[in-house]
N, C-alpha and C. Protein backbone atom coordinates (compact mmCIF):
# COMPACT_ATOMS: atom_id res chain seq x y z
N UNK A 1 -23.96 3.09 53.83
CA UNK A 1 -24.22 2.20 52.71
C UNK A 1 -23.81 2.87 51.41
N UNK A 2 -23.40 2.04 50.49
CA UNK A 2 -23.03 2.59 49.19
C UNK A 2 -24.28 2.89 48.38
N UNK A 3 -24.10 3.66 47.34
CA UNK A 3 -25.21 4.03 46.48
C UNK A 3 -25.82 2.80 45.82
N UNK A 4 -24.97 1.87 45.40
CA UNK A 4 -25.45 0.65 44.75
C UNK A 4 -26.28 -0.20 45.72
N UNK A 5 -25.80 -0.36 46.94
CA UNK A 5 -26.52 -1.15 47.94
C UNK A 5 -27.86 -0.50 48.25
N UNK A 6 -27.86 0.80 48.43
CA UNK A 6 -29.10 1.52 48.73
C UNK A 6 -30.10 1.37 47.59
N UNK A 7 -29.62 1.46 46.38
CA UNK A 7 -30.51 1.33 45.21
C UNK A 7 -31.08 -0.08 45.11
N UNK A 8 -30.28 -1.09 45.40
CA UNK A 8 -30.78 -2.47 45.36
C UNK A 8 -31.80 -2.72 46.47
N UNK A 9 -31.57 -2.15 47.66
CA UNK A 9 -32.52 -2.32 48.76
C UNK A 9 -33.85 -1.63 48.47
N UNK A 10 -33.82 -0.62 47.64
CA UNK A 10 -35.05 0.07 47.23
C UNK A 10 -35.62 -0.51 45.94
N UNK A 11 -35.14 -1.67 45.53
CA UNK A 11 -35.60 -2.35 44.31
C UNK A 11 -35.43 -1.48 43.07
N UNK A 12 -34.43 -0.64 43.06
CA UNK A 12 -34.14 0.18 41.90
C UNK A 12 -34.85 1.51 41.88
N UNK A 13 -35.67 1.81 42.89
CA UNK A 13 -36.37 3.10 42.91
C UNK A 13 -35.48 4.18 43.50
N UNK A 14 -35.76 5.41 43.12
CA UNK A 14 -34.92 6.53 43.55
C UNK A 14 -35.08 6.87 45.02
N UNK A 15 -36.27 6.65 45.57
CA UNK A 15 -36.52 7.03 46.96
C UNK A 15 -37.54 6.07 47.58
N UNK A 16 -37.57 6.03 48.91
CA UNK A 16 -38.60 5.21 49.56
C UNK A 16 -40.02 5.65 49.21
N UNK A 17 -40.20 6.94 48.97
CA UNK A 17 -41.53 7.44 48.61
C UNK A 17 -42.00 6.84 47.28
N UNK A 18 -41.10 6.77 46.31
CA UNK A 18 -41.44 6.18 45.01
C UNK A 18 -41.75 4.70 45.17
N UNK A 19 -40.99 4.01 46.01
CA UNK A 19 -41.25 2.59 46.27
C UNK A 19 -42.64 2.40 46.87
N UNK A 20 -42.98 3.21 47.87
CA UNK A 20 -44.30 3.08 48.49
C UNK A 20 -45.42 3.45 47.54
N UNK A 21 -45.17 4.36 46.62
CA UNK A 21 -46.18 4.69 45.60
C UNK A 21 -46.46 3.48 44.72
N UNK A 22 -45.42 2.77 44.33
CA UNK A 22 -45.58 1.56 43.50
C UNK A 22 -46.30 0.47 44.29
N UNK A 23 -45.96 0.31 45.57
CA UNK A 23 -46.65 -0.68 46.41
C UNK A 23 -48.13 -0.33 46.52
N UNK A 24 -48.43 0.94 46.72
CA UNK A 24 -49.83 1.39 46.81
C UNK A 24 -50.58 1.12 45.50
N UNK A 25 -49.97 1.43 44.37
CA UNK A 25 -50.62 1.20 43.08
C UNK A 25 -50.83 -0.29 42.83
N UNK A 26 -49.88 -1.12 43.22
CA UNK A 26 -50.04 -2.57 43.07
C UNK A 26 -51.15 -3.08 43.98
N UNK A 27 -51.26 -2.51 45.17
CA UNK A 27 -52.33 -2.90 46.09
C UNK A 27 -53.70 -2.51 45.54
N UNK A 28 -53.81 -1.33 44.97
CA UNK A 28 -55.07 -0.91 44.34
C UNK A 28 -55.42 -1.84 43.18
N UNK A 29 -54.43 -2.22 42.39
CA UNK A 29 -54.64 -3.17 41.30
C UNK A 29 -55.19 -4.48 41.83
N UNK A 30 -54.62 -4.99 42.91
CA UNK A 30 -55.05 -6.27 43.49
C UNK A 30 -56.48 -6.19 44.02
N UNK A 31 -56.80 -5.11 44.71
CA UNK A 31 -58.16 -4.96 45.25
C UNK A 31 -59.18 -4.85 44.13
N UNK A 32 -58.87 -4.08 43.10
CA UNK A 32 -59.79 -3.94 41.97
C UNK A 32 -59.99 -5.27 41.25
N UNK A 33 -58.91 -6.02 41.06
CA UNK A 33 -59.03 -7.30 40.38
C UNK A 33 -59.88 -8.26 41.19
N UNK A 34 -59.61 -8.37 42.48
CA UNK A 34 -60.36 -9.30 43.33
C UNK A 34 -61.83 -8.95 43.42
N UNK A 35 -62.13 -7.67 43.55
CA UNK A 35 -63.52 -7.23 43.64
C UNK A 35 -64.26 -7.50 42.34
N UNK A 36 -63.64 -7.16 41.23
CA UNK A 36 -64.32 -7.38 39.95
C UNK A 36 -64.46 -8.87 39.65
N UNK A 37 -63.49 -9.67 40.03
CA UNK A 37 -63.60 -11.13 39.85
C UNK A 37 -64.80 -11.67 40.62
N UNK A 38 -64.89 -11.29 41.89
CA UNK A 38 -65.98 -11.83 42.71
C UNK A 38 -67.35 -11.38 42.23
N UNK A 39 -67.52 -10.10 42.02
CA UNK A 39 -68.86 -9.58 41.77
C UNK A 39 -69.27 -9.59 40.30
N UNK A 40 -68.33 -9.45 39.39
CA UNK A 40 -68.70 -9.46 37.98
C UNK A 40 -68.63 -10.87 37.42
N UNK A 41 -67.48 -11.52 37.58
CA UNK A 41 -67.32 -12.85 36.98
C UNK A 41 -68.13 -13.92 37.68
N UNK A 42 -68.20 -13.87 39.01
CA UNK A 42 -68.90 -14.92 39.75
C UNK A 42 -70.30 -14.50 40.20
N UNK A 43 -70.45 -13.31 40.74
CA UNK A 43 -71.74 -12.88 41.29
C UNK A 43 -72.79 -12.59 40.24
N UNK A 44 -72.40 -12.08 39.09
CA UNK A 44 -73.37 -11.76 38.05
C UNK A 44 -73.62 -12.91 37.08
N UNK A 45 -72.85 -13.97 37.21
CA UNK A 45 -73.04 -15.14 36.34
C UNK A 45 -74.10 -16.05 36.96
N UNK A 46 -75.20 -16.30 36.24
CA UNK A 46 -76.26 -17.14 36.81
C UNK A 46 -75.79 -18.54 37.17
N UNK A 47 -74.78 -19.05 36.50
CA UNK A 47 -74.29 -20.40 36.79
C UNK A 47 -73.50 -20.48 38.09
N UNK A 48 -72.91 -19.37 38.53
CA UNK A 48 -72.07 -19.39 39.73
C UNK A 48 -72.58 -18.46 40.82
N UNK A 49 -73.77 -17.92 40.68
CA UNK A 49 -74.29 -16.91 41.61
C UNK A 49 -74.57 -17.45 43.01
N UNK A 50 -75.09 -18.65 43.13
CA UNK A 50 -75.49 -19.19 44.43
C UNK A 50 -74.28 -19.38 45.34
N UNK A 51 -74.24 -18.61 46.42
CA UNK A 51 -73.16 -18.72 47.40
C UNK A 51 -71.80 -18.37 46.85
N UNK A 52 -71.74 -17.43 45.92
CA UNK A 52 -70.47 -17.13 45.25
C UNK A 52 -69.41 -16.60 46.20
N UNK A 53 -69.78 -15.82 47.22
CA UNK A 53 -68.77 -15.31 48.16
C UNK A 53 -68.12 -16.46 48.93
N UNK A 54 -68.93 -17.38 49.38
CA UNK A 54 -68.42 -18.51 50.15
C UNK A 54 -67.58 -19.45 49.27
N UNK A 55 -68.00 -19.65 48.04
CA UNK A 55 -67.32 -20.60 47.15
C UNK A 55 -66.03 -20.05 46.56
N UNK A 56 -66.01 -18.76 46.22
CA UNK A 56 -64.92 -18.23 45.39
C UNK A 56 -64.03 -17.19 46.07
N UNK A 57 -64.15 -17.01 47.38
CA UNK A 57 -63.32 -15.99 48.02
C UNK A 57 -61.84 -16.34 47.94
N UNK A 58 -61.50 -17.62 48.03
CA UNK A 58 -60.09 -17.99 47.94
C UNK A 58 -59.52 -17.70 46.55
N UNK A 59 -60.32 -17.97 45.52
CA UNK A 59 -59.89 -17.65 44.16
C UNK A 59 -59.59 -16.16 44.02
N UNK A 60 -60.46 -15.34 44.62
CA UNK A 60 -60.27 -13.89 44.54
C UNK A 60 -59.02 -13.46 45.29
N UNK A 61 -58.76 -14.06 46.45
CA UNK A 61 -57.57 -13.70 47.23
C UNK A 61 -56.30 -14.09 46.48
N UNK A 62 -56.26 -15.33 45.98
CA UNK A 62 -55.06 -15.78 45.27
C UNK A 62 -54.86 -15.01 43.96
N UNK A 63 -55.92 -14.72 43.27
CA UNK A 63 -55.81 -13.91 42.06
C UNK A 63 -55.35 -12.50 42.35
N UNK A 64 -55.82 -11.95 43.47
CA UNK A 64 -55.39 -10.61 43.87
C UNK A 64 -53.91 -10.60 44.22
N UNK A 65 -53.45 -11.63 44.91
CA UNK A 65 -52.01 -11.73 45.20
C UNK A 65 -51.18 -11.82 43.92
N UNK A 66 -51.69 -12.57 42.97
CA UNK A 66 -50.99 -12.67 41.68
C UNK A 66 -50.97 -11.33 40.97
N UNK A 67 -52.08 -10.61 41.04
CA UNK A 67 -52.13 -9.27 40.42
C UNK A 67 -51.17 -8.30 41.08
N UNK A 68 -51.11 -8.35 42.43
CA UNK A 68 -50.16 -7.50 43.14
C UNK A 68 -48.73 -7.84 42.75
N UNK A 69 -48.43 -9.13 42.73
CA UNK A 69 -47.10 -9.58 42.38
C UNK A 69 -46.72 -9.14 40.97
N UNK A 70 -47.62 -9.30 40.03
CA UNK A 70 -47.33 -8.92 38.65
C UNK A 70 -47.08 -7.42 38.52
N UNK A 71 -47.93 -6.61 39.15
CA UNK A 71 -47.77 -5.15 39.05
C UNK A 71 -46.48 -4.69 39.72
N UNK A 72 -46.18 -5.27 40.90
CA UNK A 72 -44.99 -4.86 41.64
C UNK A 72 -43.72 -5.31 40.94
N UNK A 73 -43.68 -6.55 40.48
CA UNK A 73 -42.48 -7.04 39.79
C UNK A 73 -42.25 -6.32 38.47
N UNK A 74 -43.32 -5.97 37.78
CA UNK A 74 -43.16 -5.22 36.53
C UNK A 74 -42.46 -3.89 36.80
N UNK A 75 -42.88 -3.19 37.85
CA UNK A 75 -42.25 -1.92 38.18
C UNK A 75 -40.79 -2.11 38.58
N UNK A 76 -40.51 -3.16 39.34
CA UNK A 76 -39.13 -3.43 39.77
C UNK A 76 -38.25 -3.75 38.55
N UNK A 77 -38.73 -4.62 37.69
CA UNK A 77 -37.92 -5.01 36.52
C UNK A 77 -37.70 -3.85 35.57
N UNK A 78 -38.68 -2.96 35.47
CA UNK A 78 -38.48 -1.78 34.62
C UNK A 78 -37.37 -0.89 35.17
N UNK A 79 -37.18 -0.92 36.47
CA UNK A 79 -36.11 -0.11 37.09
C UNK A 79 -34.75 -0.79 37.02
N UNK A 80 -34.72 -2.10 37.19
CA UNK A 80 -33.44 -2.78 37.32
C UNK A 80 -32.82 -3.23 36.00
N UNK A 81 -33.65 -3.48 34.99
CA UNK A 81 -33.11 -3.94 33.71
C UNK A 81 -32.78 -2.72 32.84
N UNK A 82 -31.55 -2.61 32.42
CA UNK A 82 -31.19 -1.45 31.57
C UNK A 82 -31.88 -1.54 30.20
N UNK A 83 -32.18 -0.37 29.68
CA UNK A 83 -32.87 -0.33 28.38
C UNK A 83 -31.87 -0.29 27.25
């Protein structure tokens, strides 16, 4: 493979290790966001406390996916867009 092809397949990162580090950090971001959404925003709010896990777990999952996507794409775009 050419250097350009390899770099594009790694989303602009220098090595697979750097790519996996960014994936790990984005995953941690998603887990933290989802947990804090469920327990702080919904669980500690008296208006939404009753059955909050059952009612809002999908919101937490979709929000976490959005957080992962945002963190991961930000890192990719910072690598691929020239400054």
